Amino acid sequence: MFGQRLHHTNIEMIYLNQENLLEIGVNWNETIETIEHAVNAIGNKNYSQPLKPYLRYGDPKNRIIAMPAYVGEKINKAGIKWIASFPDNIDKGIPRASSVVILNNSDTGEVEAIINTALLSVIRTASVSGLIIKHFNKSKNRENINVGIIGFGPIGKYHFEMCNSLLDNKVSNYYLYDKKPIIDSSILKEKTKANIIVCEDWKEVYNNSDIFITCTVADKPYIEGQPKKGALLLNVSLRDYKDDVYEFVKNSIIVDDWEEVCREKTTIENWYLTFGLMEKNVRTICDVLKDDVLSKYSEEDNIMFNPMGMAVFDIAIADYYLKKALANGIGTEIR
């Protein structure tokens, strides 16, 4: 049964929901640092992450995904994320994604927490992008940056929040586009010193962005042509790019995990099948940290990061919020 709101930390299991996470808030420097700890664990082979299975039935674009993982070193936590993605939910006025994360004690296997909110996945996604942007900014040290975001649902909005926090005064313009009207642009203007430019199509965003982020539910590619020279392309939604873009990024592709991302009709799988792109032709998120790979690309190279989404990152962010909840007496004890 459910107990009372936490008043101490000597508990067996706690339950956290979206309201609890919103109460804790997002410190992007800390969540990005948490992702860095997880990447270091991956680089040191101190993790376990089976290839995630996709459960499909009925409409093939819907899926429910199981994402188990263990991440060691500073995190030392095991668990699983069970996440459903039903794109047509948006037209029904309900969230596209819903998920729950279960955290286990890595030594005993005991369940320590249940975190019931898709917001955790959104924060993880934006934090992984933030790690890439952080190191891109460090290696290039540019000013007057234009940031473009295609798709301005929850993931797009949290990417805006993350970029605004991480890049601060370096951003001159935010170019935004969504098929649906972006009705909160006046609110966004209150959060940043940069200009907010709501565009009529994706091309205006693509052609002007130094950092270009796709946060759509697209299941077919539509982005074509040459990006702005030197742009960082964050292919968060994974399926937006047509084949002709390959020519502009083929020597500067980064993935989180090759086996995960080269499947499920992603851009990477399509380029593997069409152009023979292989694992040996790409770099990984571990290379970004260990080899400072971003600094090795020229100022005119277009760098494309393709994150399929790694369970180790979900467990790491879930553990971060569990620790925050315990420290602040937030959540509900489950007996």
Protein backbone atom coordinates (compact mmCIF):
# COMPACT_ATOMS: atom_id res chain seq x y z
CA MET A 1 0.00 0.00 0.00
CA PHE A 2 1.01 3.61 -0.38
CA GLY A 3 2.33 5.37 2.69
CA GLN A 4 2.78 9.02 3.51
CA ARG A 5 4.98 11.69 2.00
CA LEU A 6 8.60 11.08 2.99
CA HIS A 7 9.84 12.49 6.26
CA HIS A 8 13.03 10.47 6.52
CA THR A 9 15.45 8.55 4.34
CA ASN A 10 15.34 5.18 6.13
CA ILE A 11 12.79 3.62 3.81
CA GLU A 12 12.45 0.49 1.70
CA MET A 13 10.93 1.91 -1.48
CA ILE A 14 9.60 5.21 -2.73
CA TYR A 15 7.26 6.28 -5.50
CA LEU A 16 7.88 9.43 -7.55
CA ASN A 17 5.59 10.96 -10.15
CA GLN A 18 5.74 13.96 -12.46
CA GLU A 19 4.74 16.42 -9.75
CA ASN A 20 7.62 15.17 -7.61
CA LEU A 21 10.12 15.70 -10.42
CA LEU A 22 8.75 19.17 -11.12
CA GLU A 23 9.13 19.97 -7.42
CA ILE A 24 12.78 18.90 -7.55
CA GLY A 25 13.29 20.82 -10.79
CA VAL A 26 16.03 20.53 -13.42
CA ASN A 27 19.60 21.59 -12.86
CA TRP A 28 21.01 21.05 -16.34
CA ASN A 29 24.65 21.20 -15.25
CA GLU A 30 23.99 18.39 -12.79
CA THR A 31 21.94 16.20 -15.14
CA ILE A 32 24.54 16.59 -17.89
CA GLU A 33 27.28 15.71 -15.39
CA THR A 34 25.25 12.61 -14.48
CA ILE A 35 25.21 11.59 -18.16
CA GLU A 36 28.98 12.14 -18.25
CA HIS A 37 29.41 9.76 -15.29
CA ALA A 38 27.37 7.16 -17.19
CA VAL A 39 29.44 7.65 -20.37
CA ASN A 40 32.62 7.12 -18.35
CA ALA A 41 31.16 3.88 -16.98
CA ILE A 42 30.41 2.78 -20.55
CA GLY A 43 33.91 3.70 -21.67
CA ASN A 44 35.38 1.66 -18.80
CA LYS A 45 33.11 -1.32 -19.61
CA ASN A 46 31.51 -0.99 -16.18
CA TYR A 47 27.94 -1.39 -17.34
CA SER A 48 25.46 -3.91 -18.69
CA GLN A 49 22.82 -3.11 -21.30
CA PRO A 50 21.03 -5.76 -23.37
CA LEU A 51 19.67 -4.75 -26.76
CA LYS A 52 16.22 -3.38 -26.02
CA PRO A 53 13.21 -5.26 -27.43
CA TYR A 54 10.30 -3.50 -29.13
CA LEU A 55 6.78 -4.76 -28.45
CA ARG A 56 4.46 -4.02 -31.38
CA TYR A 57 0.85 -4.90 -32.10
CA GLY A 58 -1.90 -3.31 -34.17
CA ASP A 59 -0.60 -0.09 -35.72
CA PRO A 60 3.13 -0.70 -36.45
CA LYS A 61 4.16 2.85 -35.62
CA ASN A 62 3.21 2.27 -31.98
CA ARG A 63 5.69 0.53 -29.73
CA ILE A 64 6.39 -0.32 -26.12
CA ILE A 65 10.07 -0.70 -25.30
CA ALA A 66 11.83 -2.47 -22.44
CA MET A 67 15.15 -0.86 -21.45
CA PRO A 68 17.07 -2.73 -18.71
CA ALA A 69 20.55 -1.68 -17.64
CA TYR A 70 23.18 -1.58 -14.95
CA VAL A 71 25.54 1.41 -14.73
CA GLY A 72 28.50 1.19 -12.38
CA GLU A 73 31.17 3.45 -10.88
CA LYS A 74 29.76 6.62 -9.27
CA ILE A 75 26.17 5.57 -10.04
CA ASN A 76 26.17 1.83 -9.27
CA LYS A 77 22.49 1.21 -9.93
CA ALA A 78 20.41 -1.29 -11.89
CA GLY A 79 16.91 -0.98 -13.23
CA ILE A 80 14.55 -0.92 -16.17
CA LYS A 81 12.52 1.62 -18.11
CA TRP A 82 9.27 0.49 -19.70
CA ILE A 83 8.19 3.16 -22.18
CA ALA A 84 5.30 3.32 -24.63
CA SER A 85 5.33 5.62 -27.65
CA PHE A 86 2.02 6.09 -29.50
CA PRO A 87 2.45 9.06 -31.88
CA ASP A 88 -1.27 9.48 -32.63
CA ASN A 89 -1.91 10.22 -28.95
CA ILE A 90 -1.00 13.82 -29.74
CA ASP A 91 -4.13 14.15 -31.90
CA LYS A 92 -6.19 12.78 -29.02
CA GLY A 93 -4.91 15.39 -26.59
CA ILE A 94 -2.86 12.93 -24.54
CA PRO A 95 0.93 12.54 -24.31
CA ARG A 96 2.74 10.58 -27.01
CA ALA A 97 4.88 8.76 -24.45
CA SER A 98 4.22 7.21 -21.07
CA SER A 99 6.78 5.37 -19.01
CA VAL A 100 7.81 3.97 -15.67
CA VAL A 101 11.33 3.35 -14.32
CA ILE A 102 12.07 0.76 -11.64
CA LEU A 103 15.38 1.10 -9.78
CA ASN A 104 17.04 -1.85 -8.07
CA ASN A 105 19.76 -1.96 -5.46
CA SER A 106 22.77 -3.21 -7.40
CA ASP A 107 24.02 -5.40 -4.53
CA THR A 108 20.78 -7.07 -3.39
CA GLY A 109 18.43 -6.60 -6.34
CA GLU A 110 15.80 -5.09 -4.07
CA VAL A 111 13.50 -2.54 -5.70
CA GLU A 112 14.29 0.90 -4.27
CA ALA A 113 12.09 3.19 -6.32
CA ILE A 114 9.34 3.42 -8.90
CA ILE A 115 9.36 6.60 -10.95
CA ASN A 116 6.13 6.96 -12.91
CA THR A 117 6.47 9.76 -15.45
CA ALA A 118 7.62 10.22 -19.04
CA LEU A 119 9.22 13.48 -17.92
CA LEU A 120 12.24 11.50 -16.71
CA SER A 121 12.83 10.30 -20.27
CA VAL A 122 12.46 13.85 -21.62
CA ILE A 123 15.05 15.17 -19.16
CA ARG A 124 17.40 12.31 -20.04
CA THR A 125 17.04 13.01 -23.76
CA ALA A 126 17.75 16.72 -23.41
CA SER A 127 20.65 16.03 -21.03
CA VAL A 128 22.34 13.71 -23.53
CA SER A 129 21.97 16.43 -26.17
CA GLY A 130 23.33 18.86 -23.60
CA LEU A 131 26.48 16.80 -23.15
CA ILE A 132 27.16 16.98 -26.90
CA ILE A 133 26.39 20.70 -27.01
CA LYS A 134 28.60 21.33 -23.98
CA HIS A 135 31.61 19.70 -25.64
CA PHE A 136 30.80 21.22 -29.04
CA ASN A 137 30.71 24.65 -27.42
CA LYS A 138 33.95 23.92 -25.57
CA SER A 139 35.79 22.84 -28.72
CA LYS A 140 34.43 25.56 -31.05
CA ASN A 141 33.82 28.40 -28.56
CA ARG A 142 31.48 30.27 -30.88
CA GLU A 143 29.47 33.40 -30.21
CA ASN A 144 26.22 34.61 -31.78
CA ILE A 145 24.90 31.07 -32.19
CA ASN A 146 21.60 30.31 -33.90
CA VAL A 147 19.76 27.35 -32.35
CA GLY A 148 17.00 25.67 -34.35
CA ILE A 149 14.41 23.24 -33.03
CA ILE A 150 11.99 21.30 -35.25
CA GLY A 151 9.07 19.90 -33.24
CA PHE A 152 8.09 21.84 -30.15
CA GLY A 153 6.35 19.30 -27.98
CA PRO A 154 7.73 18.33 -24.54
CA ILE A 155 11.11 17.18 -25.90
CA GLY A 156 11.52 20.31 -28.02
CA LYS A 157 10.56 22.59 -25.14
CA TYR A 158 13.00 20.94 -22.75
CA HIS A 159 15.74 21.22 -25.36
CA PHE A 160 15.01 24.93 -25.48
CA GLU A 161 15.27 25.14 -21.68
CA MET A 162 18.52 23.18 -21.73
CA CYS A 163 20.10 25.30 -24.49
CA ASN A 164 18.99 28.50 -22.79
CA SER A 165 20.64 27.38 -19.56
CA LEU A 166 23.78 25.90 -21.09
CA LEU A 167 24.57 28.48 -23.78
CA ASP A 168 23.07 31.56 -22.10
CA ASN A 169 24.29 34.74 -23.84
CA LYS A 170 25.98 32.88 -26.71
CA VAL A 171 22.65 32.41 -28.51
CA SER A 172 21.47 35.21 -30.79
CA ASN A 173 18.37 33.55 -32.23
CA TYR A 174 16.13 30.58 -31.60
CA TYR A 175 14.45 29.35 -34.79
CA LEU A 176 11.41 27.21 -33.97
CA TYR A 177 9.00 25.23 -36.11
CA ASP A 178 6.15 22.85 -35.39
CA LYS A 179 3.25 21.69 -37.55
CA LYS A 180 0.98 22.91 -34.79
CA PRO A 181 0.98 26.59 -33.76
CA ILE A 182 3.63 27.51 -31.18
CA ILE A 183 1.39 29.46 -28.83
CA ASP A 184 3.85 30.11 -26.00
CA SER A 185 6.45 32.13 -27.92
CA SER A 186 5.72 35.22 -25.78
CA ILE A 187 6.49 33.19 -22.64
CA LEU A 188 9.72 31.96 -24.22
CA LYS A 189 10.81 35.54 -24.91
CA GLU A 190 10.65 36.23 -21.18
CA LYS A 191 13.13 33.41 -20.52
CA THR A 192 15.92 34.44 -22.88
CA LYS A 193 17.77 37.46 -24.20
CA ALA A 194 17.89 35.84 -27.65
CA ASN A 195 15.35 36.48 -30.38
CA ILE A 196 12.54 33.94 -30.76
CA ILE A 197 11.73 33.38 -34.43
CA VAL A 198 8.71 31.15 -35.12
CA CYS A 199 9.11 29.85 -38.66
CA GLU A 200 6.57 28.80 -41.27
CA ASP A 201 8.50 25.72 -42.39
CA TRP A 202 11.42 23.52 -41.38
CA LYS A 203 13.67 24.86 -44.16
CA GLU A 204 14.02 28.28 -42.55
CA VAL A 205 15.14 26.62 -39.33
CA TYR A 206 17.52 24.21 -41.10
CA ASN A 207 19.19 26.86 -43.27
CA ASN A 208 19.88 29.25 -40.39
CA SER A 209 20.90 26.97 -37.50
CA ASP A 210 24.37 26.48 -36.08
CA ILE A 211 22.85 23.90 -33.73
CA PHE A 212 19.90 22.12 -35.35
CA ILE A 213 17.73 19.78 -33.26
CA THR A 214 14.95 17.51 -34.54
CA CYS A 215 12.35 16.66 -31.89
CA THR A 216 9.54 15.34 -34.07
CA VAL A 217 7.49 12.15 -34.33
CA ALA A 218 8.27 11.86 -38.05
CA ASP A 219 8.32 8.31 -39.38
CA LYS A 220 9.46 9.32 -42.89
CA PRO A 221 12.43 11.50 -43.92
CA TYR A 222 11.77 15.02 -45.19
CA ILE A 223 14.91 17.07 -44.44
CA GLU A 224 17.02 17.50 -47.56
CA GLY A 225 19.83 19.67 -48.84
CA GLN A 226 23.01 21.06 -47.35
CA PRO A 227 22.88 22.30 -43.76
CA LYS A 228 24.58 25.50 -42.69
CA LYS A 229 28.34 24.99 -42.82
CA GLY A 230 29.81 23.96 -39.50
CA ALA A 231 26.40 23.14 -38.01
CA LEU A 232 25.90 20.56 -35.28
CA LEU A 233 22.91 18.36 -36.17
CA LEU A 234 21.25 16.60 -33.25
CA ASN A 235 19.13 13.88 -34.84
CA VAL A 236 17.07 13.30 -31.69
CA SER A 237 13.99 12.02 -33.50
CA LEU A 238 16.16 9.74 -35.65
CA ARG A 239 14.14 9.51 -38.89
CA ASP A 240 13.96 13.03 -40.35
CA TYR A 241 16.84 13.09 -42.87
CA LYS A 242 16.75 12.15 -46.54
CA ASP A 243 19.64 10.36 -48.26
CA ASP A 244 21.18 13.44 -49.89
CA VAL A 245 22.18 14.81 -46.46
CA TYR A 246 24.57 11.87 -46.07
CA GLU A 247 27.12 13.49 -48.36
CA PHE A 248 27.45 16.46 -45.99
CA VAL A 249 27.91 14.45 -42.75
CA LYS A 250 29.34 11.07 -43.80
CA ASN A 251 32.76 11.75 -42.26
CA SER A 252 31.47 13.23 -39.00
CA ILE A 253 28.72 10.96 -37.71
CA ILE A 254 28.50 10.24 -33.96
CA VAL A 255 26.17 7.72 -32.30
CA ASP A 256 25.40 6.75 -28.75
CA ASP A 257 25.47 3.01 -29.55
CA TRP A 258 25.84 1.51 -33.03
CA GLU A 259 23.84 -1.67 -32.40
CA GLU A 260 20.95 0.25 -30.92
CA VAL A 261 20.76 3.01 -33.51
CA CYS A 262 21.30 0.95 -36.65
CA ARG A 263 17.79 -0.53 -36.66
CA GLU A 264 14.11 0.36 -36.49
CA LYS A 265 14.21 2.35 -39.76
CA THR A 266 16.41 5.10 -38.37
CA THR A 267 18.43 7.45 -40.56
CA ILE A 268 21.53 5.46 -39.61
CA GLU A 269 20.00 2.13 -40.61
CA ASN A 270 18.82 3.63 -43.88
CA TRP A 271 22.32 4.93 -44.65
CA TYR A 272 23.77 1.55 -43.68
CA LEU A 273 21.48 -0.13 -46.21
CA THR A 274 21.81 2.56 -48.91
CA PHE A 275 25.43 3.68 -48.66
CA GLY A 276 27.11 0.90 -46.68
CA LEU A 277 27.72 3.03 -43.59
CA MET A 278 29.44 0.80 -41.03
CA GLU A 279 30.26 0.96 -37.34
CA LYS A 280 33.90 1.61 -38.21
CA ASN A 281 32.85 4.80 -40.05
CA VAL A 282 31.28 6.49 -37.02
CA ARG A 283 32.42 7.74 -33.64
CA THR A 284 30.61 7.30 -30.33
CA ILE A 285 29.58 9.41 -27.40
CA CYS A 286 32.48 7.85 -25.49
CA ASP A 287 34.86 9.30 -28.10
CA VAL A 288 33.41 12.75 -27.39
CA LEU A 289 34.61 12.50 -23.79
CA LYS A 290 37.72 10.34 -24.00
CA ASP A 291 39.21 11.46 -27.32
CA ASP A 292 37.80 15.00 -27.55
CA VAL A 293 36.65 14.01 -31.03
CA LEU A 294 34.62 17.18 -31.61
CA SER A 295 37.75 19.32 -31.63
CA LYS A 296 39.16 17.20 -34.47
CA TYR A 297 36.50 18.28 -36.94
CA SER A 298 37.04 21.47 -38.91
CA GLU A 299 34.99 24.64 -38.48
CA GLU A 300 33.12 23.85 -41.70
CA ASP A 301 32.36 20.18 -40.96
CA ASN A 302 28.74 19.29 -40.29
CA ILE A 303 28.63 17.01 -37.26
CA MET A 304 25.61 14.75 -36.81
CA PHE A 305 24.81 13.11 -33.47
CA ASN A 306 22.35 10.20 -33.52
CA PRO A 307 21.10 9.09 -30.08
CA MET A 308 18.83 6.04 -30.10
CA GLY A 309 18.50 6.40 -26.33
CA MET A 310 20.51 4.24 -23.95
CA ALA A 311 19.03 2.57 -20.90
CA VAL A 312 22.15 3.34 -18.88
CA PHE A 313 21.34 7.04 -19.22
CA ASP A 314 17.78 6.51 -18.01
CA ILE A 315 18.98 4.59 -14.97
CA ALA A 316 21.60 7.25 -14.24
CA ILE A 317 19.07 10.12 -14.40
CA ALA A 318 16.53 8.11 -12.39
CA ASP A 319 19.15 7.51 -9.70
CA TYR A 320 19.95 11.24 -9.68
CA TYR A 321 16.30 12.10 -9.01
CA LEU A 322 15.97 9.36 -6.41
CA LYS A 323 18.88 10.84 -4.47
CA LYS A 324 17.39 14.35 -4.78
CA ALA A 325 14.03 13.06 -3.56
CA LEU A 326 15.54 11.31 -0.54
CA ALA A 327 17.61 14.36 0.38
CA ASN A 328 14.57 16.64 0.24
CA GLY A 329 11.85 14.41 1.63
CA ILE A 330 9.99 14.27 -1.66
CA GLY A 331 7.91 11.29 -2.80
CA THR A 332 5.68 8.64 -1.30
CA GLU A 333 6.82 5.65 0.72
CA ILE A 334 5.54 2.29 -0.52
CA ARG A 335 5.22 -0.48 2.01
